[in-house]
Amino acid sequence: MARITPIAVISRMSGKVSSDSDMYFATNKQTGRVYTAKIGESNSTPSEAQMMQRNKFAAKSQLVSEWFAANKPSDTAPNGTDEYQRIATAFKAQHSCGSIRAYVFARMADDGTLTLIS
């Protein structure tokens, strides 16, 4: 099977194929792979385990948002806090692309502490 390499315009896009379609696509910006999905109707309710996972994800997302609000660059701290600078430096050393938010999310524990991998 041939491997398809998306053209530069496609490699930066994600979303619906067209406004009247239920087909979606997303491009992984790190690998360049394009993924497609068809959204269907779900008649099932989430299980207890799924709801626990959703709640855990929501709580961790809130912690990450609060961390960024407290540490990101601002008018009073143009480079962000010392902790933000330390995280940004570690992120840049390990990744040539991607999201610093995803980097922080992956390294934040449920209690809100950050751990850097050296």
PDB file of N, CA and C in Angstrom:
ATOM      1  N   MET A   1       0.837  -1.165   0.000  1.00  0.00           N
ATOM      2  CA  MET A   1       0.000   0.000   0.000  1.00  0.00           C
ATOM      3  C   MET A   1       0.892   1.242   0.000  1.00  0.00           C
ATOM      4  N   ALA A   2       0.570   2.212  -0.799  1.00  0.00           N
ATOM      5  CA  ALA A   2       1.366   3.437  -0.920  1.00  0.00           C
ATOM      6  C   ALA A   2       1.123   4.351   0.269  1.00  0.00           C
ATOM      7  N   ARG A   3       2.162   5.038   0.676  1.00  0.00           N
ATOM      8  CA  ARG A   3       2.042   6.004   1.754  1.00  0.00           C
ATOM      9  C   ARG A   3       1.744   7.360   1.143  1.00  0.00           C
ATOM     10  N   ILE A   4       0.755   8.034   1.670  1.00  0.00           N
ATOM     11  CA  ILE A   4       0.350   9.334   1.151  1.00  0.00           C
ATOM     12  C   ILE A   4       0.994  10.417   2.010  1.00  0.00           C
ATOM     13  N   THR A   5       1.687  11.337   1.375  1.00  0.00           N
ATOM     14  CA  THR A   5       2.277  12.470   2.067  1.00  0.00           C
ATOM     15  C   THR A   5       1.424  13.687   1.744  1.00  0.00           C
ATOM     16  N   PRO A   6       0.815  14.312   2.784  1.00  0.00           N
ATOM     17  CA  PRO A   6      -0.053  15.454   2.498  1.00  0.00           C
ATOM     18  C   PRO A   6       0.740  16.660   2.025  1.00  0.00           C
ATOM     19  N   ILE A   7       0.132  17.448   1.141  1.00  0.00           N
ATOM     20  CA  ILE A   7       0.771  18.675   0.702  1.00  0.00           C
ATOM     21  C   ILE A   7       0.766  19.664   1.866  1.00  0.00           C
ATOM     22  N   ALA A   8       1.595  20.691   1.799  1.00  0.00           N
ATOM     23  CA  ALA A   8       1.778  21.619   2.918  1.00  0.00           C
ATOM     24  C   ALA A   8       0.464  22.228   3.399  1.00  0.00           C
ATOM     25  N   VAL A   9      -0.434  22.574   2.492  1.00  0.00           N
ATOM     26  CA  VAL A   9      -1.706  23.178   2.887  1.00  0.00           C
ATOM     27  C   VAL A   9      -2.509  22.205   3.749  1.00  0.00           C
ATOM     28  N   ILE A  10      -2.588  20.944   3.336  1.00  0.00           N
ATOM     29  CA  ILE A  10      -3.348  19.939   4.076  1.00  0.00           C
ATOM     30  C   ILE A  10      -2.686  19.622   5.413  1.00  0.00           C
ATOM     31  N   SER A  11      -1.371  19.639   5.474  1.00  0.00           N
ATOM     32  CA  SER A  11      -0.679  19.243   6.697  1.00  0.00           C
ATOM     33  C   SER A  11      -0.966  20.172   7.866  1.00  0.00           C
ATOM     34  N   ARG A  12      -1.509  21.347   7.624  1.00  0.00           N
ATOM     35  CA  ARG A  12      -1.827  22.275   8.708  1.00  0.00           C
ATOM     36  C   ARG A  12      -3.324  22.366   8.970  1.00  0.00           C
ATOM     37  N   MET A  13      -4.105  21.503   8.337  1.00  0.00           N
ATOM     38  CA  MET A  13      -5.556  21.599   8.462  1.00  0.00           C
ATOM     39  C   MET A  13      -6.130  20.418   9.240  1.00  0.00           C
ATOM     40  N   SER A  14      -7.261  20.663   9.852  1.00  0.00           N
ATOM     41  CA  SER A  14      -8.048  19.628  10.502  1.00  0.00           C
ATOM     42  C   SER A  14      -9.492  20.104  10.485  1.00  0.00           C
ATOM     43  N   GLY A  15     -10.417  19.179  10.498  1.00  0.00           N
ATOM     44  CA  GLY A  15     -11.818  19.566  10.582  1.00  0.00           C
ATOM     45  C   GLY A  15     -12.717  18.736   9.695  1.00  0.00           C
ATOM     46  N   LYS A  16     -13.896  19.278   9.427  1.00  0.00           N
ATOM     47  CA  LYS A  16     -14.880  18.611   8.585  1.00  0.00           C
ATOM     48  C   LYS A  16     -14.420  18.629   7.138  1.00  0.00           C
ATOM     49  N   VAL A  17     -14.729  17.564   6.413  1.00  0.00           N
ATOM     50  CA  VAL A  17     -14.396  17.509   4.997  1.00  0.00           C
ATOM     51  C   VAL A  17     -15.195  18.567   4.245  1.00  0.00           C
ATOM     52  N   SER A  18     -16.480  18.686   4.550  1.00  0.00           N
ATOM     53  CA  SER A  18     -17.320  19.739   3.989  1.00  0.00           C
ATOM     54  C   SER A  18     -18.439  20.043   4.983  1.00  0.00           C
ATOM     55  N   SER A  19     -19.125  21.136   4.777  1.00  0.00           N
ATOM     56  CA  SER A  19     -20.129  21.563   5.755  1.00  0.00           C
ATOM     57  C   SER A  19     -21.292  20.594   5.894  1.00  0.00           C
ATOM     58  N   ASP A  20     -21.602  19.834   4.844  1.00  0.00           N
ATOM     59  CA  ASP A  20     -22.724  18.898   4.934  1.00  0.00           C
ATOM     60  C   ASP A  20     -22.270  17.446   5.079  1.00  0.00           C
ATOM     61  N   SER A  21     -21.052  17.245   5.542  1.00  0.00           N
ATOM     62  CA  SER A  21     -20.490  15.902   5.683  1.00  0.00           C
ATOM     63  C   SER A  21     -20.368  15.516   7.150  1.00  0.00           C
ATOM     64  N   ASP A  22     -20.397  14.208   7.416  1.00  0.00           N
ATOM     65  CA  ASP A  22     -20.139  13.729   8.768  1.00  0.00           C
ATOM     66  C   ASP A  22     -18.737  13.115   8.850  1.00  0.00           C
ATOM     67  N   MET A  23     -17.901  13.422   7.861  1.00  0.00           N
ATOM     68  CA  MET A  23     -16.532  12.942   7.794  1.00  0.00           C
ATOM     69  C   MET A  23     -15.591  14.030   8.299  1.00  0.00           C
ATOM     70  N   TYR A  24     -14.672  13.664   9.172  1.00  0.00           N
ATOM     71  CA  TYR A  24     -13.700  14.595   9.717  1.00  0.00           C
ATOM     72  C   TYR A  24     -12.295  14.082   9.424  1.00  0.00           C
ATOM     73  N   PHE A  25     -11.324  14.997   9.399  1.00  0.00           N
ATOM     74  CA  PHE A  25      -9.941  14.585   9.270  1.00  0.00           C
ATOM     75  C   PHE A  25      -9.089  15.440  10.191  1.00  0.00           C
ATOM     76  N   ALA A  26      -7.958  14.900  10.582  1.00  0.00           N
ATOM     77  CA  ALA A  26      -6.997  15.629  11.419  1.00  0.00           C
ATOM     78  C   ALA A  26      -5.605  15.223  11.003  1.00  0.00           C
ATOM     79  N   THR A  27      -4.697  16.162  11.026  1.00  0.00           N
ATOM     80  CA  THR A  27      -3.315  15.900  10.673  1.00  0.00           C
ATOM     81  C   THR A  27      -2.462  15.979  11.926  1.00  0.00           C
ATOM     82  N   ASN A  28      -1.712  14.931  12.202  1.00  0.00           N
ATOM     83  CA  ASN A  28      -0.772  14.936  13.311  1.00  0.00           C
ATOM     84  C   ASN A  28       0.401  15.800  12.881  1.00  0.00           C
ATOM     85  N   LYS A  29       0.589  16.938  13.545  1.00  0.00           N
ATOM     86  CA  LYS A  29       1.605  17.903  13.121  1.00  0.00           C
ATOM     87  C   LYS A  29       3.021  17.396  13.346  1.00  0.00           C
ATOM     88  N   GLN A  30       3.203  16.439  14.240  1.00  0.00           N
ATOM     89  CA  GLN A  30       4.548  15.918  14.491  1.00  0.00           C
ATOM     90  C   GLN A  30       4.940  14.868  13.459  1.00  0.00           C
ATOM     91  N   THR A  31       3.994  14.020  13.041  1.00  0.00           N
ATOM     92  CA  THR A  31       4.326  12.947  12.109  1.00  0.00           C
ATOM     93  C   THR A  31       3.881  13.236  10.687  1.00  0.00           C
ATOM     94  N   GLY A  32       2.917  14.158  10.507  1.00  0.00           N
ATOM     95  CA  GLY A  32       2.387  14.453   9.185  1.00  0.00           C
ATOM     96  C   GLY A  32       1.324  13.472   8.727  1.00  0.00           C
ATOM     97  N   ARG A  33       0.969  12.508   9.566  1.00  0.00           N
ATOM     98  CA  ARG A  33      -0.054  11.534   9.189  1.00  0.00           C
ATOM     99  C   ARG A  33      -1.440  12.155   9.258  1.00  0.00           C
ATOM    100  N   VAL A  34      -2.272  11.796   8.295  1.00  0.00           N
ATOM    101  CA  VAL A  34      -3.637  12.294   8.238  1.00  0.00           C
ATOM    102  C   VAL A  34      -4.567  11.181   8.687  1.00  0.00           C
ATOM    103  N   TYR A  35      -5.458  11.503   9.625  1.00  0.00           N
ATOM    104  CA  TYR A  35      -6.418  10.535  10.141  1.00  0.00           C
ATOM    105  C   TYR A  35      -7.820  10.996   9.759  1.00  0.00           C
ATOM    106  N   THR A  36      -8.680  10.039   9.459  1.00  0.00           N
ATOM    107  CA  THR A  36     -10.065  10.371   9.143  1.00  0.00           C
ATOM    108  C   THR A  36     -10.984   9.632  10.103  1.00  0.00           C
ATOM    109  N   ALA A  37     -12.171  10.197  10.285  1.00  0.00           N
ATOM    110  CA  ALA A  37     -13.166   9.575  11.151  1.00  0.00           C
ATOM    111  C   ALA A  37     -14.544   9.969  10.657  1.00  0.00           C
ATOM    112  N   LYS A  38     -15.466   9.081  10.847  1.00  0.00           N
ATOM    113  CA  LYS A  38     -16.855   9.373  10.514  1.00  0.00           C
ATOM    114  C   LYS A  38     -17.618   9.421  11.827  1.00  0.00           C
ATOM    115  N   ILE A  39     -18.267  10.536  12.065  1.00  0.00           N
ATOM    116  CA  ILE A  39     -19.006  10.716  13.302  1.00  0.00           C
ATOM    117  C   ILE A  39     -20.394  10.126  13.114  1.00  0.00           C
ATOM    118  N   GLY A  40     -20.735   9.201  13.962  1.00  0.00           N
ATOM    119  CA  GLY A  40     -22.051   8.574  13.909  1.00  0.00           C
ATOM    120  C   GLY A  40     -22.839   8.899  15.157  1.00  0.00           C
ATOM    121  N   GLU A  41     -24.089   8.555  15.144  1.00  0.00           N
ATOM    122  CA  GLU A  41     -24.918   8.793  16.310  1.00  0.00           C
ATOM    123  C   GLU A  41     -24.680   7.693  17.330  1.00  0.00           C
ATOM    124  N   SER A  42     -24.608   8.097  18.578  1.00  0.00           N
ATOM    125  CA  SER A  42     -24.409   7.135  19.653  1.00  0.00           C
ATOM    126  C   SER A  42     -25.665   7.100  20.510  1.00  0.00           C
ATOM    127  N   ASN A  43     -26.225   5.945  20.657  1.00  0.00           N
ATOM    128  CA  ASN A  43     -27.424   5.786  21.467  1.00  0.00           C
ATOM    129  C   ASN A  43     -27.098   5.278  22.862  1.00  0.00           C
ATOM    130  N   SER A  44     -25.831   5.008  23.125  1.00  0.00           N
ATOM    131  CA  SER A  44     -25.467   4.471  24.427  1.00  0.00           C
ATOM    132  C   SER A  44     -25.047   5.592  25.377  1.00  0.00           C
ATOM    133  N   THR A  45     -25.287   5.378  26.639  1.00  0.00           N
ATOM    134  CA  THR A  45     -24.838   6.327  27.646  1.00  0.00           C
ATOM    135  C   THR A  45     -23.450   5.908  28.114  1.00  0.00           C
ATOM    136  N   PRO A  46     -22.621   6.861  28.512  1.00  0.00           N
ATOM    137  CA  PRO A  46     -21.265   6.528  28.953  1.00  0.00           C
ATOM    138  C   PRO A  46     -21.289   5.639  30.198  1.00  0.00           C
ATOM    139  N   SER A  47     -20.328   4.744  30.266  1.00  0.00           N
ATOM    140  CA  SER A  47     -20.226   3.870  31.431  1.00  0.00           C
ATOM    141  C   SER A  47     -19.673   4.669  32.608  1.00  0.00           C
ATOM    142  N   GLU A  48     -19.714   4.062  33.782  1.00  0.00           N
ATOM    143  CA  GLU A  48     -19.183   4.721  34.973  1.00  0.00           C
ATOM    144  C   GLU A  48     -17.684   4.978  34.813  1.00  0.00           C
ATOM    145  N   ALA A  49     -16.960   4.008  34.249  1.00  0.00           N
ATOM    146  CA  ALA A  49     -15.526   4.172  34.024  1.00  0.00           C
ATOM    147  C   ALA A  49     -15.247   5.310  33.035  1.00  0.00           C
ATOM    148  N   GLN A  50     -16.066   5.412  31.983  1.00  0.00           N
ATOM    149  CA  GLN A  50     -15.890   6.503  31.017  1.00  0.00           C
ATOM    150  C   GLN A  50     -16.157   7.859  31.669  1.00  0.00           C
ATOM    151  N   MET A  51     -17.178   7.923  32.515  1.00  0.00           N
ATOM    152  CA  MET A  51     -17.491   9.177  33.197  1.00  0.00           C
ATOM    153  C   MET A  51     -16.380   9.563  34.172  1.00  0.00           C
ATOM    154  N   MET A  52     -15.802   8.572  34.854  1.00  0.00           N
ATOM    155  CA  MET A  52     -14.689   8.851  35.764  1.00  0.00           C
ATOM    156  C   MET A  52     -13.498   9.399  34.982  1.00  0.00           C
ATOM    157  N   GLN A  53     -13.225   8.811  33.803  1.00  0.00           N
ATOM    158  CA  GLN A  53     -12.107   9.272  32.964  1.00  0.00           C
ATOM    159  C   GLN A  53     -12.365  10.684  32.449  1.00  0.00           C
ATOM    160  N   ARG A  54     -13.593  10.959  32.044  1.00  0.00           N
ATOM    161  CA  ARG A  54     -13.939  12.312  31.584  1.00  0.00           C
ATOM    162  C   ARG A  54     -13.744  13.331  32.696  1.00  0.00           C
ATOM    163  N   ASN A  55     -14.199  12.986  33.889  1.00  0.00           N
ATOM    164  CA  ASN A  55     -14.071  13.897  35.025  1.00  0.00           C
ATOM    165  C   ASN A  55     -12.604  14.116  35.396  1.00  0.00           C
ATOM    166  N   LYS A  56     -11.802  13.048  35.328  1.00  0.00           N
ATOM    167  CA  LYS A  56     -10.375  13.157  35.621  1.00  0.00           C
ATOM    168  C   LYS A  56      -9.701  14.071  34.592  1.00  0.00           C
ATOM    169  N   PHE A  57     -10.027  13.883  33.318  1.00  0.00           N
ATOM    170  CA  PHE A  57      -9.472  14.717  32.255  1.00  0.00           C
ATOM    171  C   PHE A  57      -9.876  16.180  32.458  1.00  0.00           C
ATOM    172  N   ALA A  58     -11.145  16.420  32.794  1.00  0.00           N
ATOM    173  CA  ALA A  58     -11.626  17.789  33.005  1.00  0.00           C
ATOM    174  C   ALA A  58     -10.909  18.448  34.180  1.00  0.00           C
ATOM    175  N   ALA A  59     -10.711  17.699  35.265  1.00  0.00           N
ATOM    176  CA  ALA A  59     -10.027  18.249  36.440  1.00  0.00           C
ATOM    177  C   ALA A  59      -8.570  18.581  36.121  1.00  0.00           C
ATOM    178  N   LYS A  60      -7.900  17.696  35.396  1.00  0.00           N
ATOM    179  CA  LYS A  60      -6.500  17.935  35.044  1.00  0.00           C
ATOM    180  C   LYS A  60      -6.395  19.112  34.065  1.00  0.00           C
ATOM    181  N   SER A  61      -7.314  19.207  33.124  1.00  0.00           N
ATOM    182  CA  SER A  61      -7.333  20.337  32.186  1.00  0.00           C
ATOM    183  C   SER A  61      -7.492  21.654  32.943  1.00  0.00           C
ATOM    184  N   GLN A  62      -8.328  21.648  33.970  1.00  0.00           N
ATOM    185  CA  GLN A  62      -8.525  22.844  34.790  1.00  0.00           C
ATOM    186  C   GLN A  62      -7.229  23.216  35.513  1.00  0.00           C
ATOM    187  N   LEU A  63      -6.530  22.209  36.069  1.00  0.00           N
ATOM    188  CA  LEU A  63      -5.253  22.461  36.739  1.00  0.00           C
ATOM    189  C   LEU A  63      -4.227  23.066  35.774  1.00  0.00           C
ATOM    190  N   VAL A  64      -4.166  22.532  34.565  1.00  0.00           N
ATOM    191  CA  VAL A  64      -3.223  23.052  33.565  1.00  0.00           C
ATOM    192  C   VAL A  64      -3.574  24.490  33.208  1.00  0.00           C
ATOM    193  N   SER A  65      -4.854  24.782  33.032  1.00  0.00           N
ATOM    194  CA  SER A  65      -5.284  26.154  32.722  1.00  0.00           C
ATOM    195  C   SER A  65      -4.915  27.106  33.850  1.00  0.00           C
ATOM    196  N   GLU A  66      -5.114  26.678  35.079  1.00  0.00           N
ATOM    197  CA  GLU A  66      -4.770  27.516  36.229  1.00  0.00           C
ATOM    198  C   GLU A  66      -3.253  27.734  36.300  1.00  0.00           C
ATOM    199  N   TRP A  67      -2.475  26.684  35.994  1.00  0.00           N
ATOM    200  CA  TRP A  67      -1.017  26.806  36.016  1.00  0.00           C
ATOM    201  C   TRP A  67      -0.566  27.833  34.984  1.00  0.00           C
ATOM    202  N   PHE A  68      -1.119  27.745  33.771  1.00  0.00           N
ATOM    203  CA  PHE A  68      -0.741  28.703  32.730  1.00  0.00           C
ATOM    204  C   PHE A  68      -1.157  30.120  33.106  1.00  0.00           C
ATOM    205  N   ALA A  69      -2.333  30.278  33.683  1.00  0.00           N
ATOM    206  CA  ALA A  69      -2.791  31.608  34.085  1.00  0.00           C
ATOM    207  C   ALA A  69      -1.857  32.218  35.124  1.00  0.00           C
ATOM    208  N   ALA A  70      -1.316  31.395  36.000  1.00  0.00           N
ATOM    209  CA  ALA A  70      -0.437  31.887  37.064  1.00  0.00           C
ATOM    210  C   ALA A  70       1.012  32.055  36.612  1.00  0.00           C
ATOM    211  N   ASN A  71       1.451  31.357  35.569  1.00  0.00           N
ATOM    212  CA  ASN A  71       2.870  31.319  35.229  1.00  0.00           C
ATOM    213  C   ASN A  71       3.255  31.872  33.862  1.00  0.00           C
ATOM    214  N   LYS A  72       2.325  32.031  32.949  1.00  0.00           N
ATOM    215  CA  LYS A  72       2.660  32.438  31.581  1.00  0.00           C
ATOM    216  C   LYS A  72       3.156  33.879  31.528  1.00  0.00           C
ATOM    217  N   PRO A  73       3.797  34.249  30.424  1.00  0.00           N
ATOM    218  CA  PRO A  73       4.244  35.633  30.271  1.00  0.00           C
ATOM    219  C   PRO A  73       3.070  36.608  30.372  1.00  0.00           C
ATOM    220  N   SER A  74       3.351  37.750  30.995  1.00  0.00           N
ATOM    221  CA  SER A  74       2.327  38.783  31.170  1.00  0.00           C
ATOM    222  C   SER A  74       3.005  40.149  31.138  1.00  0.00           C
ATOM    223  N   ASP A  75       2.234  41.209  31.352  1.00  0.00           N
ATOM    224  CA  ASP A  75       2.804  42.561  31.374  1.00  0.00           C
ATOM    225  C   ASP A  75       3.794  42.720  32.519  1.00  0.00           C
ATOM    226  N   THR A  76       3.497  42.110  33.661  1.00  0.00           N
ATOM    227  CA  THR A  76       4.385  42.244  34.827  1.00  0.00           C
ATOM    228  C   THR A  76       5.574  41.304  34.764  1.00  0.00           C
ATOM    229  N   ALA A  77       5.427  40.176  34.060  1.00  0.00           N
ATOM    230  CA  ALA A  77       6.531  39.207  33.898  1.00  0.00           C
ATOM    231  C   ALA A  77       6.606  38.821  32.423  1.00  0.00           C
ATOM    232  N   PRO A  78       7.288  39.624  31.598  1.00  0.00           N
ATOM    233  CA  PRO A  78       7.303  39.402  30.143  1.00  0.00           C
ATOM    234  C   PRO A  78       7.797  38.018  29.712  1.00  0.00           C
ATOM    235  N   ASN A  79       8.638  37.372  30.511  1.00  0.00           N
ATOM    236  CA  ASN A  79       9.134  36.036  30.176  1.00  0.00           C
ATOM    237  C   ASN A  79       8.433  34.940  30.966  1.00  0.00           C
ATOM    238  N   GLY A  80       7.441  35.280  31.730  1.00  0.00           N
ATOM    239  CA  GLY A  80       6.765  34.308  32.571  1.00  0.00           C
ATOM    240  C   GLY A  80       7.544  34.096  33.862  1.00  0.00           C
ATOM    241  N   THR A  81       7.024  33.249  34.719  1.00  0.00           N
ATOM    242  CA  THR A  81       7.694  32.961  35.974  1.00  0.00           C
ATOM    243  C   THR A  81       8.934  32.090  35.725  1.00  0.00           C
ATOM    244  N   ASP A  82       9.737  31.925  36.755  1.00  0.00           N
ATOM    245  CA  ASP A  82      10.921  31.055  36.640  1.00  0.00           C
ATOM    246  C   ASP A  82      10.501  29.635  36.285  1.00  0.00           C
ATOM    247  N   GLU A  83       9.385  29.169  36.875  1.00  0.00           N
ATOM    248  CA  GLU A  83       8.915  27.808  36.582  1.00  0.00           C
ATOM    249  C   GLU A  83       8.487  27.689  35.119  1.00  0.00           C
ATOM    250  N   TYR A  84       7.821  28.717  34.608  1.00  0.00           N
ATOM    251  CA  TYR A  84       7.412  28.710  33.202  1.00  0.00           C
ATOM    252  C   TYR A  84       8.646  28.651  32.296  1.00  0.00           C
ATOM    253  N   GLN A  85       9.658  29.441  32.606  1.00  0.00           N
ATOM    254  CA  GLN A  85      10.879  29.451  31.807  1.00  0.00           C
ATOM    255  C   GLN A  85      11.572  28.088  31.846  1.00  0.00           C
ATOM    256  N   ARG A  86      11.571  27.452  33.014  1.00  0.00           N
ATOM    257  CA  ARG A  86      12.179  26.128  33.156  1.00  0.00           C
ATOM    258  C   ARG A  86      11.431  25.097  32.302  1.00  0.00           C
ATOM    259  N   ILE A  87      10.098  25.137  32.331  1.00  0.00           N
ATOM    260  CA  ILE A  87       9.274  24.222  31.532  1.00  0.00           C
ATOM    261  C   ILE A  87       9.473  24.507  30.047  1.00  0.00           C
ATOM    262  N   ALA A  88       9.464  25.775  29.659  1.00  0.00           N
ATOM    263  CA  ALA A  88       9.631  26.136  28.246  1.00  0.00           C
ATOM    264  C   ALA A  88      10.984  25.691  27.719  1.00  0.00           C
ATOM    265  N   THR A  89      12.023  25.841  28.524  1.00  0.00           N
ATOM    266  CA  THR A  89      13.360  25.413  28.118  1.00  0.00           C
ATOM    267  C   THR A  89      13.409  23.901  27.923  1.00  0.00           C
ATOM    268  N   ALA A  90      12.818  23.159  28.861  1.00  0.00           N
ATOM    269  CA  ALA A  90      12.782  21.692  28.748  1.00  0.00           C
ATOM    270  C   ALA A  90      11.972  21.264  27.533  1.00  0.00           C
ATOM    271  N   PHE A  91      10.853  21.935  27.283  1.00  0.00           N
ATOM    272  CA  PHE A  91      10.010  21.624  26.129  1.00  0.00           C
ATOM    273  C   PHE A  91      10.776  21.841  24.823  1.00  0.00           C
ATOM    274  N   LYS A  92      11.428  22.979  24.703  1.00  0.00           N
ATOM    275  CA  LYS A  92      12.170  23.302  23.482  1.00  0.00           C
ATOM    276  C   LYS A  92      13.338  22.351  23.257  1.00  0.00           C
ATOM    277  N   ALA A  93      13.949  21.877  24.337  1.00  0.00           N
ATOM    278  CA  ALA A  93      15.089  20.951  24.216  1.00  0.00           C
ATOM    279  C   ALA A  93      14.644  19.578  23.728  1.00  0.00           C
ATOM    280  N   GLN A  94      13.392  19.205  24.007  1.00  0.00           N
ATOM    281  CA  GLN A  94      12.917  17.863  23.672  1.00  0.00           C
ATOM    282  C   GLN A  94      12.042  17.818  22.427  1.00  0.00           C
ATOM    283  N   HIS A  95      11.494  18.948  21.991  1.00  0.00           N
ATOM    284  CA  HIS A  95      10.542  18.951  20.878  1.00  0.00           C
ATOM    285  C   HIS A  95      10.858  20.046  19.884  1.00  0.00           C
ATOM    286  N   SER A  96      10.774  19.708  18.614  1.00  0.00           N
ATOM    287  CA  SER A  96      10.934  20.730  17.585  1.00  0.00           C
ATOM    288  C   SER A  96       9.588  21.309  17.182  1.00  0.00           C
ATOM    289  N   CYS A  97       8.517  20.614  17.525  1.00  0.00           N
ATOM    290  CA  CYS A  97       7.171  21.121  17.263  1.00  0.00           C
ATOM    291  C   CYS A  97       6.230  20.513  18.292  1.00  0.00           C
ATOM    292  N   GLY A  98       5.006  20.918  18.266  1.00  0.00           N
ATOM    293  CA  GLY A  98       4.034  20.423  19.234  1.00  0.00           C
ATOM    294  C   GLY A  98       3.520  21.575  20.075  1.00  0.00           C
ATOM    295  N   SER A  99       2.885  21.239  21.166  1.00  0.00           N
ATOM    296  CA  SER A  99       2.242  22.233  22.012  1.00  0.00           C
ATOM    297  C   SER A  99       2.829  22.198  23.414  1.00  0.00           C
ATOM    298  N   ILE A 100       3.193  23.369  23.918  1.00  0.00           N
ATOM    299  CA  ILE A 100       3.712  23.423  25.289  1.00  0.00           C
ATOM    300  C   ILE A 100       2.604  23.066  26.278  1.00  0.00           C
ATOM    301  N   ARG A 101       1.352  23.360  25.924  1.00  0.00           N
ATOM    302  CA  ARG A 101       0.223  22.992  26.790  1.00  0.00           C
ATOM    303  C   ARG A 101       0.129  21.477  26.917  1.00  0.00           C
ATOM    304  N   ALA A 102       0.274  20.754  25.806  1.00  0.00           N
ATOM    305  CA  ALA A 102       0.241  19.283  25.848  1.00  0.00           C
ATOM    306  C   ALA A 102       1.428  18.757  26.644  1.00  0.00           C
ATOM    307  N   TYR A 103       2.574  19.413  26.529  1.00  0.00           N
ATOM    308  CA  TYR A 103       3.775  19.027  27.275  1.00  0.00           C
ATOM    309  C   TYR A 103       3.514  19.155  28.782  1.00  0.00           C
ATOM    310  N   VAL A 104       2.926  20.283  29.189  1.00  0.00           N
ATOM    311  CA  VAL A 104       2.609  20.489  30.604  1.00  0.00           C
ATOM    312  C   VAL A 104       1.549  19.490  31.056  1.00  0.00           C
ATOM    313  N   PHE A 105       0.529  19.271  30.230  1.00  0.00           N
ATOM    314  CA  PHE A 105      -0.550  18.330  30.584  1.00  0.00           C
ATOM    315  C   PHE A 105       0.021  16.938  30.842  1.00  0.00           C
ATOM    316  N   ALA A 106       0.953  16.494  29.997  1.00  0.00           N
ATOM    317  CA  ALA A 106       1.520  15.150  30.130  1.00  0.00           C
ATOM    318  C   ALA A 106       2.382  15.007  31.375  1.00  0.00           C
ATOM    319  N   ARG A 107       2.938  16.091  31.856  1.00  0.00           N
ATOM    320  CA  ARG A 107       3.853  16.022  32.994  1.00  0.00           C
ATOM    321  C   ARG A 107       3.235  16.478  34.305  1.00  0.00           C
ATOM    322  N   MET A 108       1.955  16.859  34.282  1.00  0.00           N
ATOM    323  CA  MET A 108       1.299  17.312  35.500  1.00  0.00           C
ATOM    324  C   MET A 108       0.583  16.150  36.178  1.00  0.00           C
ATOM    325  N   ALA A 109       0.851  15.994  37.471  1.00  0.00           N
ATOM    326  CA  ALA A 109       0.180  14.963  38.263  1.00  0.00           C
ATOM    327  C   ALA A 109      -1.226  15.439  38.621  1.00  0.00           C
ATOM    328  N   ASP A 110      -2.046  14.527  39.107  1.00  0.00           N
ATOM    329  CA  ASP A 110      -3.415  14.867  39.474  1.00  0.00           C
ATOM    330  C   ASP A 110      -3.495  15.921  40.576  1.00  0.00           C
ATOM    331  N   ASP A 111      -2.430  16.053  41.367  1.00  0.00           N
ATOM    332  CA  ASP A 111      -2.424  17.055  42.442  1.00  0.00           C
ATOM    333  C   ASP A 111      -1.890  18.400  41.972  1.00  0.00           C
ATOM    334  N   GLY A 112      -1.533  18.529  40.700  1.00  0.00           N
ATOM    335  CA  GLY A 112      -1.081  19.795  40.136  1.00  0.00           C
ATOM    336  C   GLY A 112       0.414  20.005  40.139  1.00  0.00           C
ATOM    337  N   THR A 113       1.196  19.020  40.588  1.00  0.00           N
ATOM    338  CA  THR A 113       2.647  19.171  40.565  1.00  0.00           C
ATOM    339  C   THR A 113       3.193  18.783  39.202  1.00  0.00           C
ATOM    340  N   LEU A 114       4.237  19.483  38.780  1.00  0.00           N
ATOM    341  CA  LEU A 114       4.874  19.214  37.488  1.00  0.00           C
ATOM    342  C   LEU A 114       6.170  18.449  37.691  1.00  0.00           C
ATOM    343  N   THR A 115       6.412  17.479  36.826  1.00  0.00           N
ATOM    344  CA  THR A 115       7.652  16.698  36.865  1.00  0.00           C
ATOM    345  C   THR A 115       8.302  16.759  35.510  1.00  0.00           C
ATOM    346  N   LEU A 116       9.555  17.203  35.482  1.00  0.00           N
ATOM    347  CA  LEU A 116      10.317  17.215  34.235  1.00  0.00           C
ATOM    348  C   LEU A 116      11.103  15.934  34.106  1.00  0.00           C
ATOM    349  N   ILE A 117      11.144  15.412  32.895  1.00  0.00           N
ATOM    350  CA  ILE A 117      11.931  14.217  32.617  1.00  0.00           C
ATOM    351  C   ILE A 117      13.263  14.679  32.039  1.00  0.00           C
ATOM    352  N   SER A 118      14.344  14.297  32.672  1.00  0.00           N
ATOM    353  CA  SER A 118      15.650  14.750  32.185  1.00  0.00           C
ATOM    354  C   SER A 118      16.288  13.754  31.284  1.00  0.00           C
TER     355      SER A 118
END
